[in-house]
C-alpha atoms as a PDB file:
ATOM      1  CA  UNK A   1      96.847  90.740 102.736  1.00  0.00           C
ATOM      2  CA  UNK A   2      96.115  87.696 104.886  1.00  0.00           C
ATOM      3  CA  UNK A   3      99.357  87.979 106.847  1.00  0.00           C
ATOM      4  CA  UNK A   4      99.315  91.780 107.200  1.00  0.00           C
ATOM      5  CA  UNK A   5      97.959  91.584 110.750  1.00  0.00           C
ATOM      6  CA  UNK A   6     100.836  89.301 111.747  1.00  0.00           C
ATOM      7  CA  UNK A   7     103.446  91.638 110.280  1.00  0.00           C
ATOM      8  CA  UNK A   8     101.770  94.607 111.923  1.00  0.00           C
ATOM      9  CA  UNK A   9     101.885  92.914 115.297  1.00  0.00           C
ATOM     10  CA  UNK A  10     105.577  92.121 114.827  1.00  0.00           C
ATOM     11  CA  UNK A  11     106.240  95.863 114.691  1.00  0.00           C
ATOM     12  CA  UNK A  12     104.904  96.568 118.170  1.00  0.00           C
ATOM     13  CA  UNK A  13     105.244  93.376 120.156  1.00  0.00           C
ATOM     14  CA  UNK A  14     108.595  94.429 121.645  1.00  0.00           C
ATOM     15  CA  UNK A  15     107.282  97.510 123.436  1.00  0.00           C
ATOM     16  CA  UNK A  16     103.554  96.875 123.903  1.00  0.00           C
ATOM     17  CA  UNK A  17     103.988  95.513 127.430  1.00  0.00           C
ATOM     18  CA  UNK A  18     106.009  98.523 128.524  1.00  0.00           C
ATOM     19  CA  UNK A  19     103.369 100.867 127.120  1.00  0.00           C
ATOM     20  CA  UNK A  20     100.657  99.029 129.070  1.00  0.00           C
ATOM     21  CA  UNK A  21     102.665  99.306 132.269  1.00  0.00           C
ATOM     22  CA  UNK A  22     103.506 102.965 131.737  1.00  0.00           C
ATOM     23  CA  UNK A  23     100.110 104.383 130.753  1.00  0.00           C
ATOM     24  CA  UNK A  24      97.793 101.959 132.527  1.00  0.00           C
ATOM     25  CA  UNK A  25      96.377  98.770 131.154  1.00  0.00           C
ATOM     26  CA  UNK A  26      92.741  99.832 131.413  1.00  0.00           C
ATOM     27  CA  UNK A  27      93.327 102.931 129.287  1.00  0.00           C
ATOM     28  CA  UNK A  28      95.400 101.033 126.722  1.00  0.00           C
ATOM     29  CA  UNK A  29      92.902  98.186 126.513  1.00  0.00           C
ATOM     30  CA  UNK A  30      89.916 100.491 126.024  1.00  0.00           C
ATOM     31  CA  UNK A  31      91.734 102.521 123.359  1.00  0.00           C
ATOM     32  CA  UNK A  32      92.922  99.403 121.558  1.00  0.00           C
ATOM     33  CA  UNK A  33      89.468  97.832 121.538  1.00  0.00           C
ATOM     34  CA  UNK A  34      87.901 101.042 120.226  1.00  0.00           C
ATOM     35  CA  UNK A  35      90.501 101.478 117.477  1.00  0.00           C
ATOM     36  CA  UNK A  36      90.275  97.811 116.469  1.00  0.00           C
ATOM     37  CA  UNK A  37      86.505  98.071 116.219  1.00  0.00           C
ATOM     38  CA  UNK A  38      86.670 101.227 114.129  1.00  0.00           C
ATOM     39  CA  UNK A  39      89.231  99.785 111.712  1.00  0.00           C
ATOM     40  CA  UNK A  40      87.248  96.573 111.360  1.00  0.00           C
ATOM     41  CA  UNK A  41      84.042  98.484 110.660  1.00  0.00           C
ATOM     42  CA  UNK A  42      85.763 100.675 108.070  1.00  0.00           C
ATOM     43  CA  UNK A  43      87.393  97.808 106.173  1.00  0.00           C
ATOM     44  CA  UNK A  44      84.533  97.370 103.646  1.00  0.00           C
ATOM     45  CA  UNK A  45      84.726 101.081 102.818  1.00  0.00           C
ATOM     46  CA  UNK A  46      88.496 100.885 102.463  1.00  0.00           C
ATOM     47  CA  UNK A  47      88.098  98.069  99.940  1.00  0.00           C
ATOM     48  CA  UNK A  48      86.288 100.426  97.579  1.00  0.00           C
ATOM     49  CA  UNK A  49      89.143 102.929  97.763  1.00  0.00           C
ATOM     50  CA  UNK A  50      92.201 100.806  97.045  1.00  0.00           C
ATOM     51  CA  UNK A  51      93.898  97.513  97.852  1.00  0.00           C
ATOM     52  CA  UNK A  52      96.778  99.288  99.566  1.00  0.00           C
ATOM     53  CA  UNK A  53      94.428 101.150 101.888  1.00  0.00           C
ATOM     54  CA  UNK A  54      93.037  97.799 103.045  1.00  0.00           C
ATOM     55  CA  UNK A  55      96.574  96.456 103.392  1.00  0.00           C
ATOM     56  CA  UNK A  56      97.608  99.450 105.497  1.00  0.00           C
ATOM     57  CA  UNK A  57      94.492  99.161 107.668  1.00  0.00           C
ATOM     58  CA  UNK A  58      95.246  95.465 108.270  1.00  0.00           C
ATOM     59  CA  UNK A  59      98.846  96.345 109.192  1.00  0.00           C
ATOM     60  CA  UNK A  60      97.576  98.954 111.634  1.00  0.00           C
ATOM     61  CA  UNK A  61      95.055  96.472 113.029  1.00  0.00           C
ATOM     62  CA  UNK A  62      97.852  94.026 113.754  1.00  0.00           C
ATOM     63  CA  UNK A  63      99.948  96.807 115.284  1.00  0.00           C
ATOM     64  CA  UNK A  64      97.054  97.794 117.529  1.00  0.00           C
ATOM     65  CA  UNK A  65      96.003  94.253 118.448  1.00  0.00           C
ATOM     66  CA  UNK A  66      99.420  93.323 119.785  1.00  0.00           C
ATOM     67  CA  UNK A  67      98.599  95.536 122.775  1.00  0.00           C
ATOM     68  CA  UNK A  68      95.667  93.317 123.845  1.00  0.00           C
ATOM     69  CA  UNK A  69      97.486  90.504 125.580  1.00  0.00           C
ATOM     70  CA  UNK A  70     100.008  92.589 127.561  1.00  0.00           C
ATOM     71  CA  UNK A  71      97.208  94.843 128.788  1.00  0.00           C
ATOM     72  CA  UNK A  72      95.093  91.860 129.832  1.00  0.00           C
ATOM     73  CA  UNK A  73      98.087  90.300 131.605  1.00  0.00           C
ATOM     74  CA  UNK A  74      98.768  93.573 133.416  1.00  0.00           C
ATOM     75  CA  UNK A  75      95.148  93.826 134.549  1.00  0.00           C
ATOM     76  CA  UNK A  76      95.079  90.203 135.672  1.00  0.00           C
ATOM     77  CA  UNK A  77      98.252  90.595 137.710  1.00  0.00           C
ATOM     78  CA  UNK A  78      96.664  93.442 139.648  1.00  0.00           C
ATOM     79  CA  UNK A  79      93.090  92.226 139.988  1.00  0.00           C
ATOM     80  CA  UNK A  80      93.500  88.555 140.913  1.00  0.00           C
ATOM     81  CA  UNK A  81      94.988  87.360 144.211  1.00  0.00           C
ATOM     82  CA  UNK A  82      98.312  85.508 144.064  1.00  0.00           C
ATOM     83  CA  UNK A  83      96.844  82.095 144.783  1.00  0.00           C
ATOM     84  CA  UNK A  84      94.319  82.362 141.933  1.00  0.00           C
ATOM     85  CA  UNK A  85      96.456  83.847 139.138  1.00  0.00           C
ATOM     86  CA  UNK A  86      97.041  80.485 137.456  1.00  0.00           C
ATOM     87  CA  UNK A  87      93.301  79.794 137.349  1.00  0.00           C
ATOM     88  CA  UNK A  88      92.601  83.265 136.003  1.00  0.00           C
ATOM     89  CA  UNK A  89      95.244  82.900 133.292  1.00  0.00           C
ATOM     90  CA  UNK A  90      93.762  79.596 132.187  1.00  0.00           C
ATOM     91  CA  UNK A  91      90.321  81.180 131.968  1.00  0.00           C
ATOM     92  CA  UNK A  92      91.227  84.274 129.951  1.00  0.00           C
ATOM     93  CA  UNK A  93      93.493  82.346 127.560  1.00  0.00           C
ATOM     94  CA  UNK A  94      91.109  79.420 127.045  1.00  0.00           C
ATOM     95  CA  UNK A  95      90.119  80.183 123.454  1.00  0.00           C
ATOM     96  CA  UNK A  96      93.445  81.219 121.939  1.00  0.00           C
ATOM     97  CA  UNK A  97      94.257  77.957 120.213  1.00  0.00           C
END
């Protein structure tokens, strides 16, 4: 259960960047944030149903969350000028470790 998010993200990491480029990073990022929030809010209710429902929701959360970083990178490449992209990348990746 603890590693379900990791395995879910492994399923979609190969094509998440292409999806962000194709459909627009702002749309993908807003959809991903909304779906992640909904799944996180519903997790306590899923725990009353069954363990496998929680496991599936965690897998889907990992699948969905692997779209965050490519969408943010796509937005940053468009919004920030070329001479400030390194500074912007260091700011929006500051808390990952």
